[in-house]
């Protein structure tokens, strides 16, 4: 499933998250997989390419104690981080983001999880 599109700041990169609740690739059947997707946006001609900002993905502990997070630095040679030529680039991120055995209270409450993405400044 995809999140709604968002921007890292005003007049910036358009992006979304892609989530596989039962994992994808090396995480299939064992992990929640979480990926970052660069999308074609209105400001692309004003932005620096490839996308090079560090990204932090976070699964929120709904009791606010111990969030699960992972940071990654984009591989600037990957097509995932080049200026998009279609609606969205290939997703890149964390196939082993969170073991399914850990995905319960306090992360999953009332069939709901909360995920945050941060685009970190240089």
PDB file of N, CA and C in Angstrom:
ATOM      1  N   UNK A   1       0.843  -1.171   0.000  1.00  0.00           N
ATOM      2  CA  UNK A   1       0.000   0.000   0.000  1.00  0.00           C
ATOM      3  C   UNK A   1       0.887   1.232   0.000  1.00  0.00           C
ATOM      4  N   UNK A   2       0.348   2.318  -0.583  1.00  0.00           N
ATOM      5  CA  UNK A   2       1.077   3.584  -0.665  1.00  0.00           C
ATOM      6  C   UNK A   2       0.467   4.604   0.283  1.00  0.00           C
ATOM      7  N   UNK A   3       1.307   5.456   0.852  1.00  0.00           N
ATOM      8  CA  UNK A   3       0.815   6.591   1.634  1.00  0.00           C
ATOM      9  C   UNK A   3       0.358   7.678   0.665  1.00  0.00           C
ATOM     10  N   UNK A   4      -0.377   8.654   1.177  1.00  0.00           N
ATOM     11  CA  UNK A   4      -0.621   9.840   0.344  1.00  0.00           C
ATOM     12  C   UNK A   4       0.723  10.516   0.049  1.00  0.00           C
ATOM     13  N   UNK A   5       0.793  11.234  -1.054  1.00  0.00           N
ATOM     14  CA  UNK A   5       2.008  11.971  -1.413  1.00  0.00           C
ATOM     15  C   UNK A   5       2.216  13.128  -0.436  1.00  0.00           C
ATOM     16  N   UNK A   6       3.483  13.471  -0.215  1.00  0.00           N
ATOM     17  CA  UNK A   6       3.821  14.607   0.650  1.00  0.00           C
ATOM     18  C   UNK A   6       5.110  15.239   0.140  1.00  0.00           C
ATOM     19  N   UNK A   7       5.418  16.431   0.657  1.00  0.00           N
ATOM     20  CA  UNK A   7       6.658  17.141   0.320  1.00  0.00           C
ATOM     21  C   UNK A   7       7.502  17.274   1.583  1.00  0.00           C
ATOM     22  N   UNK A   8       8.814  17.274   1.424  1.00  0.00           N
ATOM     23  CA  UNK A   8       9.704  17.404   2.577  1.00  0.00           C
ATOM     24  C   UNK A   8       9.668  18.810   3.159  1.00  0.00           C
ATOM     25  N   UNK A   9       9.344  19.778   2.352  1.00  0.00           N
ATOM     26  CA  UNK A   9       9.157  21.168   2.773  1.00  0.00           C
ATOM     27  C   UNK A   9       8.483  21.882   1.603  1.00  0.00           C
ATOM     28  N   UNK A  10       8.212  23.152   1.780  1.00  0.00           N
ATOM     29  CA  UNK A  10       7.564  23.906   0.712  1.00  0.00           C
ATOM     30  C   UNK A  10       8.478  23.974  -0.521  1.00  0.00           C
ATOM     31  N   UNK A  11       7.916  23.806  -1.694  1.00  0.00           N
ATOM     32  CA  UNK A  11       8.658  23.852  -2.967  1.00  0.00           C
ATOM     33  C   UNK A  11       9.779  22.806  -3.010  1.00  0.00           C
ATOM     34  N   UNK A  12       9.481  21.610  -2.585  1.00  0.00           N
ATOM     35  CA  UNK A  12      10.532  20.593  -2.502  1.00  0.00           C
ATOM     36  C   UNK A  12      10.122  19.293  -3.192  1.00  0.00           C
ATOM     37  N   UNK A  13      10.871  18.261  -2.910  1.00  0.00           N
ATOM     38  CA  UNK A  13      10.659  16.945  -3.505  1.00  0.00           C
ATOM     39  C   UNK A  13       9.302  16.375  -3.107  1.00  0.00           C
ATOM     40  N   UNK A  14       8.631  15.761  -4.082  1.00  0.00           N
ATOM     41  CA  UNK A  14       7.370  15.065  -3.816  1.00  0.00           C
ATOM     42  C   UNK A  14       7.709  13.599  -3.597  1.00  0.00           C
ATOM     43  N   UNK A  15       7.098  13.002  -2.577  1.00  0.00           N
ATOM     44  CA  UNK A  15       7.423  11.626  -2.232  1.00  0.00           C
ATOM     45  C   UNK A  15       6.248  10.937  -1.569  1.00  0.00           C
ATOM     46  N   UNK A  16       6.355   9.643  -1.398  1.00  0.00           N
ATOM     47  CA  UNK A  16       5.378   8.870  -0.639  1.00  0.00           C
ATOM     48  C   UNK A  16       6.107   7.672  -0.046  1.00  0.00           C
ATOM     49  N   UNK A  17       5.394   6.920   0.773  1.00  0.00           N
ATOM     50  CA  UNK A  17       5.942   5.695   1.350  1.00  0.00           C
ATOM     51  C   UNK A  17       5.196   4.504   0.783  1.00  0.00           C
ATOM     52  N   UNK A  18       5.886   3.387   0.695  1.00  0.00           N
ATOM     53  CA  UNK A  18       5.247   2.141   0.271  1.00  0.00           C
ATOM     54  C   UNK A  18       5.465   1.121   1.379  1.00  0.00           C
ATOM     55  N   UNK A  19       4.374   0.503   1.797  1.00  0.00           N
ATOM     56  CA  UNK A  19       4.387  -0.417   2.923  1.00  0.00           C
ATOM     57  C   UNK A  19       3.897  -1.788   2.484  1.00  0.00           C
ATOM     58  N   UNK A  20       4.634  -2.810   2.861  1.00  0.00           N
ATOM     59  CA  UNK A  20       4.207  -4.194   2.667  1.00  0.00           C
ATOM     60  C   UNK A  20       4.015  -4.784   4.063  1.00  0.00           C
ATOM     61  N   UNK A  21       2.764  -4.967   4.466  1.00  0.00           N
ATOM     62  CA  UNK A  21       2.474  -5.450   5.813  1.00  0.00           C
ATOM     63  C   UNK A  21       3.010  -6.855   6.055  1.00  0.00           C
ATOM     64  N   UNK A  22       3.079  -7.676   5.015  1.00  0.00           N
ATOM     65  CA  UNK A  22       3.597  -9.038   5.155  1.00  0.00           C
ATOM     66  C   UNK A  22       4.961  -9.184   4.475  1.00  0.00           C
ATOM     67  N   UNK A  23       5.646  -8.073   4.321  1.00  0.00           N
ATOM     68  CA  UNK A  23       6.998  -8.086   3.797  1.00  0.00           C
ATOM     69  C   UNK A  23       7.102  -8.161   2.290  1.00  0.00           C
ATOM     70  N   UNK A  24       8.282  -7.800   1.804  1.00  0.00           N
ATOM     71  CA  UNK A  24       8.593  -7.839   0.378  1.00  0.00           C
ATOM     72  C   UNK A  24      10.047  -8.264   0.226  1.00  0.00           C
ATOM     73  N   UNK A  25      10.346  -8.966  -0.844  1.00  0.00           N
ATOM     74  CA  UNK A  25      11.726  -9.385  -1.094  1.00  0.00           C
ATOM     75  C   UNK A  25      12.256 -10.242   0.039  1.00  0.00           C
ATOM     76  N   UNK A  26      13.414  -9.871   0.593  1.00  0.00           N
ATOM     77  CA  UNK A  26      14.035 -10.652   1.669  1.00  0.00           C
ATOM     78  C   UNK A  26      13.207 -10.650   2.951  1.00  0.00           C
ATOM     79  N   UNK A  27      12.250  -9.737   3.065  1.00  0.00           N
ATOM     80  CA  UNK A  27      11.402  -9.667   4.251  1.00  0.00           C
ATOM     81  C   UNK A  27      10.056 -10.361   4.102  1.00  0.00           C
ATOM     82  N   UNK A  28       9.796 -10.950   2.937  1.00  0.00           N
ATOM     83  CA  UNK A  28       8.481 -11.558   2.681  1.00  0.00           C
ATOM     84  C   UNK A  28       8.166 -12.643   3.717  1.00  0.00           C
ATOM     85  N   UNK A  29       7.020 -12.461   4.390  1.00  0.00           N
ATOM     86  CA  UNK A  29       6.544 -13.436   5.361  1.00  0.00           C
ATOM     87  C   UNK A  29       7.157 -13.334   6.737  1.00  0.00           C
ATOM     88  N   UNK A  30       8.184 -12.492   6.901  1.00  0.00           N
ATOM     89  CA  UNK A  30       8.864 -12.393   8.196  1.00  0.00           C
ATOM     90  C   UNK A  30       8.916 -10.977   8.762  1.00  0.00           C
ATOM     91  N   UNK A  31       8.813  -9.976   7.886  1.00  0.00           N
ATOM     92  CA  UNK A  31       9.000  -8.588   8.311  1.00  0.00           C
ATOM     93  C   UNK A  31       7.971  -7.655   7.679  1.00  0.00           C
ATOM     94  N   UNK A  32       7.741  -6.547   8.320  1.00  0.00           N
ATOM     95  CA  UNK A  32       7.069  -5.414   7.695  1.00  0.00           C
ATOM     96  C   UNK A  32       8.151  -4.730   6.857  1.00  0.00           C
ATOM     97  N   UNK A  33       7.874  -4.475   5.594  1.00  0.00           N
ATOM     98  CA  UNK A  33       8.831  -3.807   4.707  1.00  0.00           C
ATOM     99  C   UNK A  33       8.343  -2.391   4.436  1.00  0.00           C
ATOM    100  N   UNK A  34       9.245  -1.429   4.503  1.00  0.00           N
ATOM    101  CA  UNK A  34       8.886  -0.021   4.350  1.00  0.00           C
ATOM    102  C   UNK A  34       9.862   0.645   3.380  1.00  0.00           C
ATOM    103  N   UNK A  35       9.297   1.332   2.392  1.00  0.00           N
ATOM    104  CA  UNK A  35      10.109   1.930   1.336  1.00  0.00           C
ATOM    105  C   UNK A  35       9.728   3.386   1.109  1.00  0.00           C
ATOM    106  N   UNK A  36      10.696   4.130   0.615  1.00  0.00           N
ATOM    107  CA  UNK A  36      10.591   5.544   0.293  1.00  0.00           C
ATOM    108  C   UNK A  36      10.517   5.657  -1.226  1.00  0.00           C
ATOM    109  N   UNK A  37       9.613   6.505  -1.735  1.00  0.00           N
ATOM    110  CA  UNK A  37       9.422   6.638  -3.181  1.00  0.00           C
ATOM    111  C   UNK A  37       9.495   8.109  -3.583  1.00  0.00           C
ATOM    112  N   UNK A  38      10.401   8.444  -4.489  1.00  0.00           N
ATOM    113  CA  UNK A  38      10.473   9.794  -5.054  1.00  0.00           C
ATOM    114  C   UNK A  38       9.473   9.858  -6.207  1.00  0.00           C
ATOM    115  N   UNK A  39       8.631  10.894  -6.198  1.00  0.00           N
ATOM    116  CA  UNK A  39       7.576  11.048  -7.202  1.00  0.00           C
ATOM    117  C   UNK A  39       7.832  12.279  -8.071  1.00  0.00           C
ATOM    118  N   UNK A  40       7.242  12.281  -9.256  1.00  0.00           N
ATOM    119  CA  UNK A  40       7.322  13.464 -10.114  1.00  0.00           C
ATOM    120  C   UNK A  40       6.508  14.572  -9.456  1.00  0.00           C
ATOM    121  N   UNK A  41       7.092  15.770  -9.359  1.00  0.00           N
ATOM    122  CA  UNK A  41       6.421  16.876  -8.694  1.00  0.00           C
ATOM    123  C   UNK A  41       6.520  18.177  -9.462  1.00  0.00           C
ATOM    124  N   UNK A  42       5.757  19.137  -9.011  1.00  0.00           N
ATOM    125  CA  UNK A  42       5.673  20.442  -9.675  1.00  0.00           C
ATOM    126  C   UNK A  42       6.974  21.233  -9.631  1.00  0.00           C
ATOM    127  N   UNK A  43       7.844  20.943  -8.662  1.00  0.00           N
ATOM    128  CA  UNK A  43       9.049  21.750  -8.468  1.00  0.00           C
ATOM    129  C   UNK A  43      10.319  21.050  -8.952  1.00  0.00           C
ATOM    130  N   UNK A  44      10.177  19.937  -9.655  1.00  0.00           N
ATOM    131  CA  UNK A  44      11.342  19.136 -10.052  1.00  0.00           C
ATOM    132  C   UNK A  44      12.394  19.928 -10.822  1.00  0.00           C
ATOM    133  N   UNK A  45      11.978  20.852 -11.672  1.00  0.00           N
ATOM    134  CA  UNK A  45      12.952  21.621 -12.454  1.00  0.00           C
ATOM    135  C   UNK A  45      13.753  22.598 -11.602  1.00  0.00           C
ATOM    136  N   UNK A  46      13.303  22.855 -10.381  1.00  0.00           N
ATOM    137  CA  UNK A  46      14.003  23.771  -9.480  1.00  0.00           C
ATOM    138  C   UNK A  46      14.920  23.044  -8.501  1.00  0.00           C
ATOM    139  N   UNK A  47      14.825  21.727  -8.466  1.00  0.00           N
ATOM    140  CA  UNK A  47      15.519  20.942  -7.445  1.00  0.00           C
ATOM    141  C   UNK A  47      16.819  20.340  -7.961  1.00  0.00           C
ATOM    142  N   UNK A  48      17.691  19.978  -7.019  1.00  0.00           N
ATOM    143  CA  UNK A  48      18.947  19.308  -7.342  1.00  0.00           C
ATOM    144  C   UNK A  48      18.695  17.819  -7.504  1.00  0.00           C
ATOM    145  N   UNK A  49      19.238  17.236  -8.560  1.00  0.00           N
ATOM    146  CA  UNK A  49      19.125  15.800  -8.806  1.00  0.00           C
ATOM    147  C   UNK A  49      20.515  15.215  -8.963  1.00  0.00           C
ATOM    148  N   UNK A  50      20.731  14.011  -8.529  1.00  0.00           N
ATOM    149  CA  UNK A  50      19.768  13.114  -7.901  1.00  0.00           C
ATOM    150  C   UNK A  50      19.422  13.544  -6.476  1.00  0.00           C
ATOM    151  N   UNK A  51      18.315  13.007  -5.960  1.00  0.00           N
ATOM    152  CA  UNK A  51      17.915  13.221  -4.568  1.00  0.00           C
ATOM    153  C   UNK A  51      19.020  12.634  -3.691  1.00  0.00           C
ATOM    154  N   UNK A  52      19.538  13.431  -2.729  1.00  0.00           N
ATOM    155  CA  UNK A  52      20.686  12.984  -1.932  1.00  0.00           C
ATOM    156  C   UNK A  52      20.486  13.101  -0.435  1.00  0.00           C
ATOM    157  N   UNK A  53      19.298  13.452   0.003  1.00  0.00           N
ATOM    158  CA  UNK A  53      19.069  13.699   1.430  1.00  0.00           C
ATOM    159  C   UNK A  53      18.923  12.383   2.201  1.00  0.00           C
ATOM    160  N   UNK A  54      19.454  12.366   3.404  1.00  0.00           N
ATOM    161  CA  UNK A  54      19.300  11.212   4.281  1.00  0.00           C
ATOM    162  C   UNK A  54      17.829  11.110   4.696  1.00  0.00           C
ATOM    163  N   UNK A  55      17.312   9.890   4.765  1.00  0.00           N
ATOM    164  CA  UNK A  55      15.908   9.654   5.095  1.00  0.00           C
ATOM    165  C   UNK A  55      15.824   8.792   6.353  1.00  0.00           C
ATOM    166  N   UNK A  56      14.926   9.151   7.258  1.00  0.00           N
ATOM    167  CA  UNK A  56      14.651   8.335   8.448  1.00  0.00           C
ATOM    168  C   UNK A  56      13.200   7.867   8.369  1.00  0.00           C
ATOM    169  N   UNK A  57      13.004   6.561   8.449  1.00  0.00           N
ATOM    170  CA  UNK A  57      11.670   5.967   8.482  1.00  0.00           C
ATOM    171  C   UNK A  57      11.420   5.479   9.899  1.00  0.00           C
ATOM    172  N   UNK A  58      10.205   5.722  10.418  1.00  0.00           N
ATOM    173  CA  UNK A  58       9.933   5.420  11.818  1.00  0.00           C
ATOM    174  C   UNK A  58       8.547   4.813  12.000  1.00  0.00           C
ATOM    175  N   UNK A  59       8.484   3.709  12.742  1.00  0.00           N
ATOM    176  CA  UNK A  59       7.236   3.092  13.180  1.00  0.00           C
ATOM    177  C   UNK A  59       7.023   3.548  14.612  1.00  0.00           C
ATOM    178  N   UNK A  60       5.892   4.212  14.861  1.00  0.00           N
ATOM    179  CA  UNK A  60       5.681   4.833  16.163  1.00  0.00           C
ATOM    180  C   UNK A  60       5.115   3.859  17.181  1.00  0.00           C
ATOM    181  N   UNK A  61       5.712   3.868  18.355  1.00  0.00           N
ATOM    182  CA  UNK A  61       5.202   3.174  19.529  1.00  0.00           C
ATOM    183  C   UNK A  61       4.048   4.030  20.043  1.00  0.00           C
ATOM    184  N   UNK A  62       2.832   3.484  20.054  1.00  0.00           N
ATOM    185  CA  UNK A  62       1.662   4.284  20.421  1.00  0.00           C
ATOM    186  C   UNK A  62       1.600   4.586  21.916  1.00  0.00           C
ATOM    187  N   UNK A  63       2.543   4.019  22.699  1.00  0.00           N
ATOM    188  CA  UNK A  63       2.692   4.401  24.103  1.00  0.00           C
ATOM    189  C   UNK A  63       3.840   5.393  24.274  1.00  0.00           C
ATOM    190  N   UNK A  64       4.434   5.808  23.143  1.00  0.00           N
ATOM    191  CA  UNK A  64       5.491   6.829  23.101  1.00  0.00           C
ATOM    192  C   UNK A  64       6.746   6.433  23.881  1.00  0.00           C
ATOM    193  N   UNK A  65       7.122   5.157  23.822  1.00  0.00           N
ATOM    194  CA  UNK A  65       8.293   4.716  24.569  1.00  0.00           C
ATOM    195  C   UNK A  65       9.482   4.373  23.675  1.00  0.00           C
ATOM    196  N   UNK A  66       9.259   3.481  22.714  1.00  0.00           N
ATOM    197  CA  UNK A  66      10.390   2.980  21.928  1.00  0.00           C
ATOM    198  C   UNK A  66      10.009   2.854  20.455  1.00  0.00           C
ATOM    199  N   UNK A  67      10.150   3.941  19.713  1.00  0.00           N
ATOM    200  CA  UNK A  67       9.869   3.913  18.285  1.00  0.00           C
ATOM    201  C   UNK A  67      10.930   3.056  17.580  1.00  0.00           C
ATOM    202  N   UNK A  68      10.547   2.454  16.473  1.00  0.00           N
ATOM    203  CA  UNK A  68      11.489   1.698  15.644  1.00  0.00           C
ATOM    204  C   UNK A  68      11.834   2.581  14.456  1.00  0.00           C
ATOM    205  N   UNK A  69      13.127   2.788  14.220  1.00  0.00           N
ATOM    206  CA  UNK A  69      13.500   3.650  13.092  1.00  0.00           C
ATOM    207  C   UNK A  69      14.707   3.087  12.358  1.00  0.00           C
ATOM    208  N   UNK A  70      14.832   3.519  11.132  1.00  0.00           N
ATOM    209  CA  UNK A  70      15.974   3.149  10.301  1.00  0.00           C
ATOM    210  C   UNK A  70      16.295   4.343   9.411  1.00  0.00           C
ATOM    211  N   UNK A  71      17.569   4.642   9.279  1.00  0.00           N
ATOM    212  CA  UNK A  71      18.030   5.728   8.411  1.00  0.00           C
ATOM    213  C   UNK A  71      18.695   5.130   7.186  1.00  0.00           C
ATOM    214  N   UNK A  72      18.561   5.821   6.066  1.00  0.00           N
ATOM    215  CA  UNK A  72      19.357   5.411   4.917  1.00  0.00           C
ATOM    216  C   UNK A  72      19.768   6.619   4.101  1.00  0.00           C
ATOM    217  N   UNK A  73      20.939   6.494   3.503  1.00  0.00           N
ATOM    218  CA  UNK A  73      21.489   7.506   2.615  1.00  0.00           C
ATOM    219  C   UNK A  73      21.239   7.025   1.193  1.00  0.00           C
ATOM    220  N   UNK A  74      20.554   7.807   0.373  1.00  0.00           N
ATOM    221  CA  UNK A  74      20.262   7.370  -0.994  1.00  0.00           C
ATOM    222  C   UNK A  74      21.524   7.051  -1.790  1.00  0.00           C
ATOM    223  N   UNK A  75      21.426   6.023  -2.597  1.00  0.00           N
ATOM    224  CA  UNK A  75      22.482   5.679  -3.550  1.00  0.00           C
ATOM    225  C   UNK A  75      22.233   6.553  -4.776  1.00  0.00           C
ATOM    226  N   UNK A  76      23.029   7.588  -4.938  1.00  0.00           N
ATOM    227  CA  UNK A  76      22.771   8.570  -5.997  1.00  0.00           C
ATOM    228  C   UNK A  76      22.949   8.000  -7.402  1.00  0.00           C
ATOM    229  N   UNK A  77      23.525   6.808  -7.518  1.00  0.00           N
ATOM    230  CA  UNK A  77      23.633   6.187  -8.842  1.00  0.00           C
ATOM    231  C   UNK A  77      22.378   5.373  -9.187  1.00  0.00           C
ATOM    232  N   UNK A  78      21.513   5.158  -8.201  1.00  0.00           N
ATOM    233  CA  UNK A  78      20.291   4.376  -8.416  1.00  0.00           C
ATOM    234  C   UNK A  78      19.225   5.207  -9.137  1.00  0.00           C
ATOM    235  N   UNK A  79      18.479   4.570 -10.024  1.00  0.00           N
ATOM    236  CA  UNK A  79      17.381   5.268 -10.712  1.00  0.00           C
ATOM    237  C   UNK A  79      16.288   5.689  -9.730  1.00  0.00           C
ATOM    238  N   UNK A  80      16.256   5.077  -8.545  1.00  0.00           N
ATOM    239  CA  UNK A  80      15.253   5.433  -7.534  1.00  0.00           C
ATOM    240  C   UNK A  80      15.349   6.896  -7.112  1.00  0.00           C
ATOM    241  N   UNK A  81      16.541   7.497  -7.262  1.00  0.00           N
ATOM    242  CA  UNK A  81      16.763   8.843  -6.748  1.00  0.00           C
ATOM    243  C   UNK A  81      17.063   9.872  -7.836  1.00  0.00           C
ATOM    244  N   UNK A  82      16.903   9.473  -9.090  1.00  0.00           N
ATOM    245  CA  UNK A  82      17.064  10.405 -10.209  1.00  0.00           C
ATOM    246  C   UNK A  82      15.770  11.201 -10.396  1.00  0.00           C
ATOM    247  N   UNK A  83      15.841  12.253 -11.169  1.00  0.00           N
ATOM    248  CA  UNK A  83      14.644  13.039 -11.489  1.00  0.00           C
ATOM    249  C   UNK A  83      13.623  12.109 -12.152  1.00  0.00           C
ATOM    250  N   UNK A  84      12.411  12.015 -11.597  1.00  0.00           N
ATOM    251  CA  UNK A  84      11.420  11.077 -12.140  1.00  0.00           C
ATOM    252  C   UNK A  84      11.018  11.407 -13.577  1.00  0.00           C
ATOM    253  N   UNK A  85      10.906  10.356 -14.393  1.00  0.00           N
ATOM    254  CA  UNK A  85      10.433  10.516 -15.767  1.00  0.00           C
ATOM    255  C   UNK A  85       9.022   9.945 -15.910  1.00  0.00           C
ATOM    256  N   UNK A  86       8.553   9.243 -14.882  1.00  0.00           N
ATOM    257  CA  UNK A  86       7.170   8.764 -14.835  1.00  0.00           C
ATOM    258  C   UNK A  86       6.575   9.246 -13.512  1.00  0.00           C
ATOM    259  N   UNK A  87       5.384   8.822 -13.198  1.00  0.00           N
ATOM    260  CA  UNK A  87       4.687   9.310 -11.997  1.00  0.00           C
ATOM    261  C   UNK A  87       5.495   9.073 -10.723  1.00  0.00           C
ATOM    262  N   UNK A  88       6.141   7.911 -10.625  1.00  0.00           N
ATOM    263  CA  UNK A  88       6.963   7.643  -9.442  1.00  0.00           C
ATOM    264  C   UNK A  88       8.143   6.747  -9.801  1.00  0.00           C
ATOM    265  N   UNK A  89       9.228   6.938  -9.056  1.00  0.00           N
ATOM    266  CA  UNK A  89      10.413   6.109  -9.238  1.00  0.00           C
ATOM    267  C   UNK A  89      10.226   4.774  -8.527  1.00  0.00           C
ATOM    268  N   UNK A  90      11.180   3.884  -8.724  1.00  0.00           N
ATOM    269  CA  UNK A  90      11.184   2.603  -8.024  1.00  0.00           C
ATOM    270  C   UNK A  90      11.448   2.872  -6.546  1.00  0.00           C
ATOM    271  N   UNK A  91      10.697   2.202  -5.683  1.00  0.00           N
ATOM    272  CA  UNK A  91      10.836   2.377  -4.236  1.00  0.00           C
ATOM    273  C   UNK A  91      12.192   1.863  -3.758  1.00  0.00           C
ATOM    274  N   UNK A  92      12.700   2.486  -2.702  1.00  0.00           N
ATOM    275  CA  UNK A  92      13.960   2.066  -2.100  1.00  0.00           C
ATOM    276  C   UNK A  92      13.821   2.191  -0.590  1.00  0.00           C
ATOM    277  N   UNK A  93      14.394   1.251   0.143  1.00  0.00           N
ATOM    278  CA  UNK A  93      14.261   1.363   1.586  1.00  0.00           C
ATOM    279  C   UNK A  93      14.638   0.122   2.352  1.00  0.00           C
ATOM    280  N   UNK A  94      13.718  -0.334   3.200  1.00  0.00           N
ATOM    281  CA  UNK A  94      14.019  -1.319   4.228  1.00  0.00           C
ATOM    282  C   UNK A  94      13.121  -2.551   4.139  1.00  0.00           C
ATOM    283  N   UNK A  95      13.542  -3.593   3.408  1.00  0.00           N
ATOM    284  CA  UNK A  95      12.714  -4.795   3.330  1.00  0.00           C
ATOM    285  C   UNK A  95      12.609  -5.523   4.673  1.00  0.00           C
ATOM    286  N   UNK A  96      13.585  -5.314   5.562  1.00  0.00           N
ATOM    287  CA  UNK A  96      13.590  -5.953   6.886  1.00  0.00           C
ATOM    288  C   UNK A  96      13.338  -4.918   7.978  1.00  0.00           C
ATOM    289  N   UNK A  97      12.381  -4.023   7.749  1.00  0.00           N
ATOM    290  CA  UNK A  97      12.183  -2.889   8.661  1.00  0.00           C
ATOM    291  C   UNK A  97      11.811  -3.324  10.076  1.00  0.00           C
ATOM    292  N   UNK A  98      10.828  -4.219  10.219  1.00  0.00           N
ATOM    293  CA  UNK A  98      10.377  -4.633  11.554  1.00  0.00           C
ATOM    294  C   UNK A  98       9.906  -6.084  11.493  1.00  0.00           C
ATOM    295  N   UNK A  99      10.448  -6.956  12.360  1.00  0.00           N
ATOM    296  CA  UNK A  99       9.968  -8.337  12.373  1.00  0.00           C
ATOM    297  C   UNK A  99       8.467  -8.384  12.682  1.00  0.00           C
ATOM    298  N   UNK A 100       7.749  -9.238  11.973  1.00  0.00           N
ATOM    299  CA  UNK A 100       6.303  -9.352  12.207  1.00  0.00           C
ATOM    300  C   UNK A 100       6.010  -9.792  13.638  1.00  0.00           C
ATOM    301  N   UNK A 101       6.928 -10.544  14.245  1.00  0.00           N
ATOM    302  CA  UNK A 101       6.729 -10.993  15.626  1.00  0.00           C
ATOM    303  C   UNK A 101       6.727  -9.826  16.610  1.00  0.00           C
ATOM    304  N   UNK A 102       7.333  -8.726  16.239  1.00  0.00           N
ATOM    305  CA  UNK A 102       7.378  -7.534  17.100  1.00  0.00           C
ATOM    306  C   UNK A 102       6.220  -6.579  16.813  1.00  0.00           C
ATOM    307  N   UNK A 103       5.528  -6.802  15.692  1.00  0.00           N
ATOM    308  CA  UNK A 103       4.488  -5.873  15.240  1.00  0.00           C
ATOM    309  C   UNK A 103       3.169  -6.172  15.947  1.00  0.00           C
ATOM    310  N   UNK A 104       3.082  -5.741  17.170  1.00  0.00           N
ATOM    311  CA  UNK A 104       1.868  -5.872  17.976  1.00  0.00           C
ATOM    312  C   UNK A 104       1.868  -4.708  18.946  1.00  0.00           C
ATOM    313  N   UNK A 105       1.015  -4.755  19.952  1.00  0.00           N
ATOM    314  CA  UNK A 105       0.983  -3.709  20.961  1.00  0.00           C
ATOM    315  C   UNK A 105       2.413  -3.495  21.460  1.00  0.00           C
ATOM    316  N   UNK A 106       2.954  -2.318  21.463  1.00  0.00           N
ATOM    317  CA  UNK A 106       2.338  -0.998  21.350  1.00  0.00           C
ATOM    318  C   UNK A 106       2.392  -0.379  19.947  1.00  0.00           C
ATOM    319  N   UNK A 107       2.862  -1.123  18.939  1.00  0.00           N
ATOM    320  CA  UNK A 107       2.955  -0.559  17.587  1.00  0.00           C
ATOM    321  C   UNK A 107       1.643  -0.693  16.823  1.00  0.00           C
ATOM    322  N   UNK A 108       0.967  -1.811  17.014  1.00  0.00           N
ATOM    323  CA  UNK A 108      -0.310  -2.077  16.357  1.00  0.00           C
ATOM    324  C   UNK A 108      -1.399  -2.034  17.418  1.00  0.00           C
ATOM    325  N   UNK A 109      -2.253  -1.021  17.354  1.00  0.00           N
ATOM    326  CA  UNK A 109      -3.350  -0.860  18.312  1.00  0.00           C
ATOM    327  C   UNK A 109      -4.627  -0.584  17.533  1.00  0.00           C
ATOM    328  N   UNK A 110      -5.682  -1.318  17.822  1.00  0.00           N
ATOM    329  CA  UNK A 110      -6.965  -1.152  17.121  1.00  0.00           C
ATOM    330  C   UNK A 110      -6.781  -1.246  15.608  1.00  0.00           C
ATOM    331  N   UNK A 111      -5.971  -2.214  15.161  1.00  0.00           N
ATOM    332  CA  UNK A 111      -5.698  -2.429  13.731  1.00  0.00           C
ATOM    333  C   UNK A 111      -5.093  -1.208  13.047  1.00  0.00           C
ATOM    334  N   UNK A 112      -4.350  -0.391  13.799  1.00  0.00           N
ATOM    335  CA  UNK A 112      -3.771   0.846  13.269  1.00  0.00           C
ATOM    336  C   UNK A 112      -2.293   0.939  13.635  1.00  0.00           C
ATOM    337  N   UNK A 113      -1.475   1.320  12.649  1.00  0.00           N
ATOM    338  CA  UNK A 113      -0.082   1.662  12.918  1.00  0.00           C
ATOM    339  C   UNK A 113       0.157   3.089  12.424  1.00  0.00           C
ATOM    340  N   UNK A 114       1.160   3.736  12.983  1.00  0.00           N
ATOM    341  CA  UNK A 114       1.544   5.082  12.568  1.00  0.00           C
ATOM    342  C   UNK A 114       2.999   5.056  12.118  1.00  0.00           C
ATOM    343  N   UNK A 115       3.226   5.625  10.946  1.00  0.00           N
ATOM    344  CA  UNK A 115       4.566   5.666  10.371  1.00  0.00           C
ATOM    345  C   UNK A 115       4.910   7.110  10.043  1.00  0.00           C
ATOM    346  N   UNK A 116       6.157   7.476  10.328  1.00  0.00           N
ATOM    347  CA  UNK A 116       6.647   8.822  10.033  1.00  0.00           C
ATOM    348  C   UNK A 116       7.866   8.713   9.135  1.00  0.00           C
ATOM    349  N   UNK A 117       8.021   9.697   8.281  1.00  0.00           N
ATOM    350  CA  UNK A 117       9.224   9.791   7.451  1.00  0.00           C
ATOM    351  C   UNK A 117       9.836  11.168   7.659  1.00  0.00           C
ATOM    352  N   UNK A 118      11.132  11.198   7.806  1.00  0.00           N
ATOM    353  CA  UNK A 118      11.867  12.450   7.947  1.00  0.00           C
ATOM    354  C   UNK A 118      12.873  12.543   6.812  1.00  0.00           C
ATOM    355  N   UNK A 119      12.936  13.692   6.186  1.00  0.00           N
ATOM    356  CA  UNK A 119      14.009  13.980   5.244  1.00  0.00           C
ATOM    357  C   UNK A 119      14.946  14.900   6.004  1.00  0.00           C
ATOM    358  N   UNK A 120      16.129  14.408   6.305  1.00  0.00           N
ATOM    359  CA  UNK A 120      17.052  15.120   7.184  1.00  0.00           C
ATOM    360  C   UNK A 120      17.845  16.156   6.406  1.00  0.00           C
ATOM    361  N   UNK A 121      18.055  17.288   7.043  1.00  0.00           N
ATOM    362  CA  UNK A 121      18.835  18.364   6.421  1.00  0.00           C
ATOM    363  C   UNK A 121      20.307  17.984   6.426  1.00  0.00           C
ATOM    364  N   UNK A 122      21.040  18.558   5.491  1.00  0.00           N
ATOM    365  CA  UNK A 122      22.483  18.265   5.387  1.00  0.00           C
ATOM    366  C   UNK A 122      23.221  18.704   6.628  1.00  0.00           C
TER     367      UNK A 122
END
